[in-house]
C-alpha atoms as a PDB file:
ATOM      1  CA  UNK A   1      -0.601  -4.500 -18.741  1.00  0.00           C
ATOM      2  CA  UNK A   2       0.959  -3.183 -15.545  1.00  0.00           C
ATOM      3  CA  UNK A   3       3.195  -5.274 -13.301  1.00  0.00           C
ATOM      4  CA  UNK A   4       3.344  -4.352  -9.617  1.00  0.00           C
ATOM      5  CA  UNK A   5       5.962  -5.604  -7.175  1.00  0.00           C
ATOM      6  CA  UNK A   6       5.702  -4.832  -3.458  1.00  0.00           C
ATOM      7  CA  UNK A   7       8.517  -4.900  -0.942  1.00  0.00           C
ATOM      8  CA  UNK A   8       9.275  -3.842   2.603  1.00  0.00           C
ATOM      9  CA  UNK A   9       7.033  -6.023   4.727  1.00  0.00           C
ATOM     10  CA  UNK A  10       8.222  -7.787   7.846  1.00  0.00           C
ATOM     11  CA  UNK A  11       7.809  -8.281  11.568  1.00  0.00           C
ATOM     12  CA  UNK A  12       7.692  -5.310  13.905  1.00  0.00           C
ATOM     13  CA  UNK A  13       6.657  -4.681  17.483  1.00  0.00           C
ATOM     14  CA  UNK A  14       3.589  -2.642  18.300  1.00  0.00           C
ATOM     15  CA  UNK A  15       4.404   1.039  18.143  1.00  0.00           C
ATOM     16  CA  UNK A  16       7.052   0.489  15.503  1.00  0.00           C
ATOM     17  CA  UNK A  17       7.278   1.554  11.887  1.00  0.00           C
ATOM     18  CA  UNK A  18       7.585  -0.055   8.471  1.00  0.00           C
ATOM     19  CA  UNK A  19       7.877   1.334   4.985  1.00  0.00           C
ATOM     20  CA  UNK A  20       6.384  -0.456   1.996  1.00  0.00           C
ATOM     21  CA  UNK A  21       7.225   0.146  -1.646  1.00  0.00           C
ATOM     22  CA  UNK A  22       5.453  -0.845  -4.828  1.00  0.00           C
ATOM     23  CA  UNK A  23       7.229  -0.542  -8.158  1.00  0.00           C
ATOM     24  CA  UNK A  24       5.180  -0.429 -11.341  1.00  0.00           C
ATOM     25  CA  UNK A  25       6.387  -1.503 -14.766  1.00  0.00           C
ATOM     26  CA  UNK A  26       4.813  -2.078 -18.163  1.00  0.00           C
ATOM     27  CA  UNK A  27       2.102   0.349 -19.276  1.00  0.00           C
ATOM     28  CA  UNK A  28       2.990   2.938 -16.659  1.00  0.00           C
ATOM     29  CA  UNK A  29       1.821   5.713 -18.979  1.00  0.00           C
ATOM     30  CA  UNK A  30      -1.705   4.658 -18.083  1.00  0.00           C
ATOM     31  CA  UNK A  31      -1.325   5.051 -14.300  1.00  0.00           C
ATOM     32  CA  UNK A  32      -4.030   7.227 -12.776  1.00  0.00           C
ATOM     33  CA  UNK A  33      -4.572   6.148  -9.202  1.00  0.00           C
ATOM     34  CA  UNK A  34      -2.606   3.740  -7.057  1.00  0.00           C
ATOM     35  CA  UNK A  35      -3.730   2.265  -3.800  1.00  0.00           C
ATOM     36  CA  UNK A  36      -2.702   0.055  -0.932  1.00  0.00           C
ATOM     37  CA  UNK A  37      -5.086  -2.626   0.273  1.00  0.00           C
ATOM     38  CA  UNK A  38      -4.671  -5.139   3.056  1.00  0.00           C
ATOM     39  CA  UNK A  39      -6.215  -8.438   3.961  1.00  0.00           C
ATOM     40  CA  UNK A  40      -6.014  -9.994   7.395  1.00  0.00           C
ATOM     41  CA  UNK A  41      -6.724 -13.694   7.992  1.00  0.00           C
ATOM     42  CA  UNK A  42     -10.444 -14.351   7.930  1.00  0.00           C
ATOM     43  CA  UNK A  43     -11.267 -10.805   6.907  1.00  0.00           C
ATOM     44  CA  UNK A  44     -12.185  -9.113   3.670  1.00  0.00           C
ATOM     45  CA  UNK A  45      -9.663  -7.097   1.730  1.00  0.00           C
ATOM     46  CA  UNK A  46      -9.894  -3.413   2.659  1.00  0.00           C
ATOM     47  CA  UNK A  47      -8.675  -0.212   1.079  1.00  0.00           C
ATOM     48  CA  UNK A  48      -6.002   1.404   3.244  1.00  0.00           C
ATOM     49  CA  UNK A  49      -4.848   4.411   1.238  1.00  0.00           C
ATOM     50  CA  UNK A  50      -4.939   5.752  -2.299  1.00  0.00           C
ATOM     51  CA  UNK A  51      -3.148   8.451  -4.245  1.00  0.00           C
ATOM     52  CA  UNK A  52      -3.909  10.212  -7.483  1.00  0.00           C
ATOM     53  CA  UNK A  53      -0.875   9.585  -9.676  1.00  0.00           C
ATOM     54  CA  UNK A  54      -0.728  13.020 -11.306  1.00  0.00           C
ATOM     55  CA  UNK A  55      -2.213  15.373  -8.714  1.00  0.00           C
ATOM     56  CA  UNK A  56      -0.993  13.550  -5.631  1.00  0.00           C
ATOM     57  CA  UNK A  57      -4.329  13.802  -3.824  1.00  0.00           C
ATOM     58  CA  UNK A  58      -4.516  11.191  -1.094  1.00  0.00           C
ATOM     59  CA  UNK A  59      -7.190   9.372   0.866  1.00  0.00           C
ATOM     60  CA  UNK A  60      -7.039   7.080   3.869  1.00  0.00           C
ATOM     61  CA  UNK A  61      -9.147   4.600   5.747  1.00  0.00           C
ATOM     62  CA  UNK A  62     -10.222   5.963   9.114  1.00  0.00           C
ATOM     63  CA  UNK A  63      -8.345   3.166  10.874  1.00  0.00           C
ATOM     64  CA  UNK A  64      -4.964   4.317   9.542  1.00  0.00           C
ATOM     65  CA  UNK A  65      -5.382   8.060   9.128  1.00  0.00           C
ATOM     66  CA  UNK A  66      -2.680  10.037  10.929  1.00  0.00           C
ATOM     67  CA  UNK A  67      -0.543   6.896  11.199  1.00  0.00           C
ATOM     68  CA  UNK A  68       0.025   5.908   7.563  1.00  0.00           C
ATOM     69  CA  UNK A  69       1.251   8.095   4.711  1.00  0.00           C
ATOM     70  CA  UNK A  70       0.985   7.232   1.034  1.00  0.00           C
ATOM     71  CA  UNK A  71       3.284   8.929  -1.451  1.00  0.00           C
ATOM     72  CA  UNK A  72       4.653   8.342  -4.924  1.00  0.00           C
ATOM     73  CA  UNK A  73       7.765   8.958  -6.979  1.00  0.00           C
ATOM     74  CA  UNK A  74       6.623   9.536 -10.538  1.00  0.00           C
ATOM     75  CA  UNK A  75      10.169   9.317 -11.907  1.00  0.00           C
ATOM     76  CA  UNK A  76      10.537   5.806 -10.485  1.00  0.00           C
ATOM     77  CA  UNK A  77       6.935   4.682 -11.008  1.00  0.00           C
ATOM     78  CA  UNK A  78       6.863   3.741  -7.349  1.00  0.00           C
ATOM     79  CA  UNK A  79       4.294   4.236  -4.618  1.00  0.00           C
ATOM     80  CA  UNK A  80       5.166   4.096  -0.934  1.00  0.00           C
ATOM     81  CA  UNK A  81       3.306   3.462   2.293  1.00  0.00           C
ATOM     82  CA  UNK A  82       4.929   4.756   5.464  1.00  0.00           C
ATOM     83  CA  UNK A  83       3.388   3.088   8.483  1.00  0.00           C
ATOM     84  CA  UNK A  84       3.936   4.417  11.994  1.00  0.00           C
ATOM     85  CA  UNK A  85       2.542   3.584  15.418  1.00  0.00           C
ATOM     86  CA  UNK A  86       1.708   0.127  14.173  1.00  0.00           C
ATOM     87  CA  UNK A  87      -0.840  -1.946  16.035  1.00  0.00           C
ATOM     88  CA  UNK A  88      -1.391  -5.708  16.119  1.00  0.00           C
ATOM     89  CA  UNK A  89      -4.606  -5.151  14.170  1.00  0.00           C
ATOM     90  CA  UNK A  90      -2.521  -3.805  11.283  1.00  0.00           C
ATOM     91  CA  UNK A  91      -1.236  -7.337  10.729  1.00  0.00           C
ATOM     92  CA  UNK A  92      -2.179  -8.356   7.202  1.00  0.00           C
ATOM     93  CA  UNK A  93      -0.913  -8.994   3.710  1.00  0.00           C
ATOM     94  CA  UNK A  94      -0.561  -5.617   2.036  1.00  0.00           C
ATOM     95  CA  UNK A  95      -1.171  -5.266  -1.702  1.00  0.00           C
ATOM     96  CA  UNK A  96      -0.760  -2.374  -4.080  1.00  0.00           C
ATOM     97  CA  UNK A  97      -3.202  -2.007  -6.930  1.00  0.00           C
ATOM     98  CA  UNK A  98      -3.855   0.217  -9.901  1.00  0.00           C
ATOM     99  CA  UNK A  99      -5.741   0.456 -13.152  1.00  0.00           C
ATOM    100  CA  UNK A 100      -9.411   0.720 -14.014  1.00  0.00           C
ATOM    101  CA  UNK A 101     -11.416  -0.818 -11.188  1.00  0.00           C
ATOM    102  CA  UNK A 102      -8.033  -1.776  -9.671  1.00  0.00           C
ATOM    103  CA  UNK A 103      -7.528  -4.500 -12.229  1.00  0.00           C
ATOM    104  CA  UNK A 104      -3.796  -4.819 -11.598  1.00  0.00           C
ATOM    105  CA  UNK A 105      -2.484  -6.209  -8.317  1.00  0.00           C
ATOM    106  CA  UNK A 106       0.873  -7.008  -6.822  1.00  0.00           C
ATOM    107  CA  UNK A 107       1.680 -10.292  -5.136  1.00  0.00           C
ATOM    108  CA  UNK A 108       1.419  -8.834  -1.642  1.00  0.00           C
ATOM    109  CA  UNK A 109       3.828  -8.415   1.240  1.00  0.00           C
ATOM    110  CA  UNK A 110       3.251  -9.666   4.784  1.00  0.00           C
ATOM    111  CA  UNK A 111       3.192  -7.198   7.654  1.00  0.00           C
ATOM    112  CA  UNK A 112       3.105  -8.688  11.131  1.00  0.00           C
ATOM    113  CA  UNK A 113       2.822  -6.529  14.233  1.00  0.00           C
ATOM    114  CA  UNK A 114       3.495  -8.262  17.525  1.00  0.00           C
ATOM    115  CA  UNK A 115       2.003  -7.079  20.791  1.00  0.00           C
END
């Protein structure tokens, strides 16, 4: 079992920045890949960014590439999402996830970008 707790969401104007964190606890020895997803009202949940826990290899959705950066601190079992040049369409609840088939999810943190 892995427990994930996100933090760092909030309200920001378009063009601004926010940093999200996700702390993992429990069976952290089994971490392999961690990811950030988001879900906007009326839309399906989408994968935003992912990082290989050991190698640090990253991947991004086309819509956020060059604006968002995913990173991790292995010593703190924490994954981060730095978001810059935010747009109103980035407004969503952001979730971190991990485990086989992303079976573990955090509770989500709201990000609202005003125009």
